Amino acid sequence: MKSTDENGRSRQECPSDAWIIYPQERMTRWIDDKLGRMGVLSYRHPLLLLLTVAALTSISFPGAWLLRLDTDLARLLPQSFESVQYLKILKERYGGEGYLVVVGHDAEPDALKRFADEIAPKLAALPVENKTKIV
């Protein structure tokens, strides 16, 4: 037997509750339907899409211009975190935080290995409170 749902689509009747649409599936179908309609609309009216995108971009540009990128870890995390307290100590003691990278190149592999073996103990002896990893 066939019947139609509230949107006029045909649906095969089933004696079980397999035809029941749960809220998550209903939302998924709704989003799928709206995105499909938007796709068809943008295909049929590309100039309208272009003008809409241009208008939304021009409206949002002043707000986006005021956005700032803050990469300071101490300001991004809550001040009560222990890691933030350690970062403050690190800044006071050394003037900032960062990474130390030592690169050896343009040498024979054996020479680079000797260099790494010689410098590793020196780096390990540096006065750092929270060492992570020396490779």
C-alpha atoms as a PDB file:
ATOM      1  CA  MET A   1       0.000   0.000   0.000  1.00  0.00           C
ATOM      2  CA  LYS A   2       1.114   3.534  -0.684  1.00  0.00           C
ATOM      3  CA  SER A   3       0.179   6.677   1.133  1.00  0.00           C
ATOM      4  CA  THR A   4       1.459  10.242   1.198  1.00  0.00           C
ATOM      5  CA  ASP A   5       3.066  12.163   4.004  1.00  0.00           C
ATOM      6  CA  GLU A   6       2.293  15.769   5.022  1.00  0.00           C
ATOM      7  CA  ASN A   7       4.416  17.087   2.099  1.00  0.00           C
ATOM      8  CA  GLY A   8       2.597  15.025  -0.509  1.00  0.00           C
ATOM      9  CA  ARG A   9       5.455  12.565  -0.977  1.00  0.00           C
ATOM     10  CA  SER A  10       4.531   8.953  -1.456  1.00  0.00           C
ATOM     11  CA  ARG A  11       5.413   6.575   1.342  1.00  0.00           C
ATOM     12  CA  GLN A  12       5.058   2.848   1.526  1.00  0.00           C
ATOM     13  CA  GLU A  13       3.011   1.859   4.536  1.00  0.00           C
ATOM     14  CA  CYS A  14       4.622  -0.557   6.891  1.00  0.00           C
ATOM     15  CA  PRO A  15       2.904  -2.358   9.755  1.00  0.00           C
ATOM     16  CA  SER A  16       5.803  -1.603  12.101  1.00  0.00           C
ATOM     17  CA  ASP A  17       6.873   1.821  13.330  1.00  0.00           C
ATOM     18  CA  ALA A  18       9.586   2.074  10.629  1.00  0.00           C
ATOM     19  CA  TRP A  19       7.839   5.071   9.072  1.00  0.00           C
ATOM     20  CA  ILE A  20       8.062   7.148  12.283  1.00  0.00           C
ATOM     21  CA  ILE A  21      10.433  10.063  11.803  1.00  0.00           C
ATOM     22  CA  TYR A  22      12.514  10.812  14.882  1.00  0.00           C
ATOM     23  CA  PRO A  23      13.501  14.432  15.693  1.00  0.00           C
ATOM     24  CA  GLN A  24      17.112  14.047  14.535  1.00  0.00           C
ATOM     25  CA  GLU A  25      16.022  12.583  11.217  1.00  0.00           C
ATOM     26  CA  ARG A  26      13.374  15.271  10.814  1.00  0.00           C
ATOM     27  CA  MET A  27      15.999  17.985  11.352  1.00  0.00           C
ATOM     28  CA  THR A  28      18.368  16.279   8.915  1.00  0.00           C
ATOM     29  CA  ARG A  29      15.643  16.086   6.282  1.00  0.00           C
ATOM     30  CA  TRP A  30      14.708  19.734   6.875  1.00  0.00           C
ATOM     31  CA  ILE A  31      18.339  20.884   6.466  1.00  0.00           C
ATOM     32  CA  ASP A  32      18.763  18.671   3.411  1.00  0.00           C
ATOM     33  CA  ASP A  33      15.598  20.120   1.874  1.00  0.00           C
ATOM     34  CA  LYS A  34      16.628  23.740   2.537  1.00  0.00           C
ATOM     35  CA  LEU A  35      20.164  23.257   1.222  1.00  0.00           C
ATOM     36  CA  GLY A  36      18.791  21.554  -1.872  1.00  0.00           C
ATOM     37  CA  ARG A  37      16.438  24.448  -2.519  1.00  0.00           C
ATOM     38  CA  MET A  38      19.288  26.926  -2.047  1.00  0.00           C
ATOM     39  CA  GLY A  39      21.392  24.976  -4.542  1.00  0.00           C
ATOM     40  CA  VAL A  40      18.625  25.024  -7.132  1.00  0.00           C
ATOM     41  CA  LEU A  41      17.994  28.726  -6.519  1.00  0.00           C
ATOM     42  CA  SER A  42      21.678  29.610  -6.907  1.00  0.00           C
ATOM     43  CA  TYR A  43      21.872  27.547 -10.103  1.00  0.00           C
ATOM     44  CA  ARG A  44      18.814  29.208 -11.624  1.00  0.00           C
ATOM     45  CA  HIS A  45      19.682  32.758 -10.473  1.00  0.00           C
ATOM     46  CA  PRO A  46      23.481  33.158 -10.290  1.00  0.00           C
ATOM     47  CA  LEU A  47      23.328  36.954 -10.403  1.00  0.00           C
ATOM     48  CA  LEU A  48      21.044  36.986  -7.365  1.00  0.00           C
ATOM     49  CA  LEU A  49      23.527  34.764  -5.537  1.00  0.00           C
ATOM     50  CA  LEU A  50      26.430  37.013  -6.490  1.00  0.00           C
ATOM     51  CA  LEU A  51      24.608  40.152  -5.335  1.00  0.00           C
ATOM     52  CA  THR A  52      23.563  38.487  -2.066  1.00  0.00           C
ATOM     53  CA  VAL A  53      27.116  37.356  -1.300  1.00  0.00           C
ATOM     54  CA  ALA A  54      28.462  40.815  -2.165  1.00  0.00           C
ATOM     55  CA  ALA A  55      25.893  42.504   0.085  1.00  0.00           C
ATOM     56  CA  LEU A  56      26.569  40.173   3.019  1.00  0.00           C
ATOM     57  CA  THR A  57      30.320  40.600   2.587  1.00  0.00           C
ATOM     58  CA  SER A  58      30.065  44.381   2.538  1.00  0.00           C
ATOM     59  CA  ILE A  59      27.834  44.346   5.624  1.00  0.00           C
ATOM     60  CA  SER A  60      30.175  42.068   7.587  1.00  0.00           C
ATOM     61  CA  PHE A  61      33.440  43.700   6.490  1.00  0.00           C
ATOM     62  CA  PRO A  62      33.479  46.515   9.084  1.00  0.00           C
ATOM     63  CA  GLY A  63      32.959  44.036  11.905  1.00  0.00           C
ATOM     64  CA  ALA A  64      35.602  41.693  10.561  1.00  0.00           C
ATOM     65  CA  TRP A  65      38.018  44.601  10.264  1.00  0.00           C
ATOM     66  CA  LEU A  66      37.817  45.110  14.030  1.00  0.00           C
ATOM     67  CA  LEU A  67      38.740  41.504  14.839  1.00  0.00           C
ATOM     68  CA  ARG A  68      42.165  41.012  16.344  1.00  0.00           C
ATOM     69  CA  LEU A  69      44.277  37.877  16.464  1.00  0.00           C
ATOM     70  CA  ASP A  70      45.640  37.314  19.953  1.00  0.00           C
ATOM     71  CA  THR A  71      48.219  34.541  20.126  1.00  0.00           C
ATOM     72  CA  ASP A  72      49.327  35.197  23.699  1.00  0.00           C
ATOM     73  CA  LEU A  73      48.556  31.965  25.543  1.00  0.00           C
ATOM     74  CA  ALA A  74      48.355  33.703  28.900  1.00  0.00           C
ATOM     75  CA  ARG A  75      45.521  35.921  27.688  1.00  0.00           C
ATOM     76  CA  LEU A  76      43.637  33.130  25.915  1.00  0.00           C
ATOM     77  CA  LEU A  77      43.368  30.879  28.965  1.00  0.00           C
ATOM     78  CA  PRO A  78      41.714  31.603  32.310  1.00  0.00           C
ATOM     79  CA  GLN A  79      44.076  33.362  34.706  1.00  0.00           C
ATOM     80  CA  SER A  80      43.458  30.743  37.399  1.00  0.00           C
ATOM     81  CA  PHE A  81      45.093  27.935  35.377  1.00  0.00           C
ATOM     82  CA  GLU A  82      48.427  26.708  36.697  1.00  0.00           C
ATOM     83  CA  SER A  83      49.879  26.775  33.184  1.00  0.00           C
ATOM     84  CA  VAL A  84      49.046  30.482  32.878  1.00  0.00           C
ATOM     85  CA  GLN A  85      50.843  31.166  36.153  1.00  0.00           C
ATOM     86  CA  TYR A  86      53.922  29.343  34.833  1.00  0.00           C
ATOM     87  CA  LEU A  87      53.754  31.322  31.596  1.00  0.00           C
ATOM     88  CA  LYS A  88      53.752  34.562  33.572  1.00  0.00           C
ATOM     89  CA  ILE A  89      56.839  33.426  35.498  1.00  0.00           C
ATOM     90  CA  LEU A  90      58.493  32.439  32.219  1.00  0.00           C
ATOM     91  CA  LYS A  91      57.788  35.856  30.711  1.00  0.00           C
ATOM     92  CA  GLU A  92      59.139  37.678  33.744  1.00  0.00           C
ATOM     93  CA  ARG A  93      62.280  35.556  33.865  1.00  0.00           C
ATOM     94  CA  TYR A  94      63.098  35.243  30.158  1.00  0.00           C
ATOM     95  CA  GLY A  95      61.044  37.954  28.458  1.00  0.00           C
ATOM     96  CA  GLY A  96      58.625  35.659  26.641  1.00  0.00           C
ATOM     97  CA  GLU A  97      57.804  32.127  25.669  1.00  0.00           C
ATOM     98  CA  GLY A  98      58.698  30.239  22.544  1.00  0.00           C
ATOM     99  CA  TYR A  99      60.439  27.249  21.103  1.00  0.00           C
ATOM    100  CA  LEU A 100      64.109  26.537  20.745  1.00  0.00           C
ATOM    101  CA  VAL A 101      64.896  24.715  17.531  1.00  0.00           C
ATOM    102  CA  VAL A 102      68.385  23.565  16.657  1.00  0.00           C
ATOM    103  CA  VAL A 103      68.897  22.484  13.056  1.00  0.00           C
ATOM    104  CA  GLY A 104      71.942  20.760  11.645  1.00  0.00           C
ATOM    105  CA  HIS A 105      72.291  20.565   7.860  1.00  0.00           C
ATOM    106  CA  ASP A 106      74.767  20.357   4.977  1.00  0.00           C
ATOM    107  CA  ALA A 107      76.888  17.694   6.636  1.00  0.00           C
ATOM    108  CA  GLU A 108      77.372  13.974   6.530  1.00  0.00           C
ATOM    109  CA  PRO A 109      74.877  11.937   8.557  1.00  0.00           C
ATOM    110  CA  ASP A 110      77.624  10.722  10.927  1.00  0.00           C
ATOM    111  CA  ALA A 111      78.726  14.307  11.614  1.00  0.00           C
ATOM    112  CA  LEU A 112      75.138  15.371  12.267  1.00  0.00           C
ATOM    113  CA  LYS A 113      74.700  12.452  14.662  1.00  0.00           C
ATOM    114  CA  ARG A 114      77.878  13.457  16.559  1.00  0.00           C
ATOM    115  CA  PHE A 115      76.621  17.057  16.668  1.00  0.00           C
ATOM    116  CA  ALA A 116      73.270  15.954  18.099  1.00  0.00           C
ATOM    117  CA  ASP A 117      74.992  13.738  20.665  1.00  0.00           C
ATOM    118  CA  GLU A 118      77.252  16.626  21.730  1.00  0.00           C
ATOM    119  CA  ILE A 119      74.542  19.288  21.976  1.00  0.00           C
ATOM    120  CA  ALA A 120      71.829  17.210  23.685  1.00  0.00           C
ATOM    121  CA  PRO A 121      73.493  17.206  27.136  1.00  0.00           C
ATOM    122  CA  LYS A 122      74.171  20.950  26.855  1.00  0.00           C
ATOM    123  CA  LEU A 123      70.520  21.648  26.047  1.00  0.00           C
ATOM    124  CA  ALA A 124      69.392  19.345  28.838  1.00  0.00           C
ATOM    125  CA  ALA A 125      71.557  21.304  31.283  1.00  0.00           C
ATOM    126  CA  LEU A 126      69.845  24.612  30.477  1.00  0.00           C
ATOM    127  CA  PRO A 127      67.910  26.071  33.441  1.00  0.00           C
ATOM    128  CA  VAL A 128      64.364  25.361  32.323  1.00  0.00           C
ATOM    129  CA  GLU A 129      61.704  24.566  34.903  1.00  0.00           C
ATOM    130  CA  ASN A 130      59.377  22.546  32.689  1.00  0.00           C
ATOM    131  CA  LYS A 131      61.333  20.616  30.048  1.00  0.00           C
ATOM    132  CA  THR A 132      59.281  18.863  27.438  1.00  0.00           C
ATOM    133  CA  LYS A 133      61.376  16.764  25.102  1.00  0.00           C
ATOM    134  CA  ILE A 134      64.858  16.826  23.662  1.00  0.00           C
ATOM    135  CA  VAL A 135      65.164  14.842  20.466  1.00  0.00           C
END
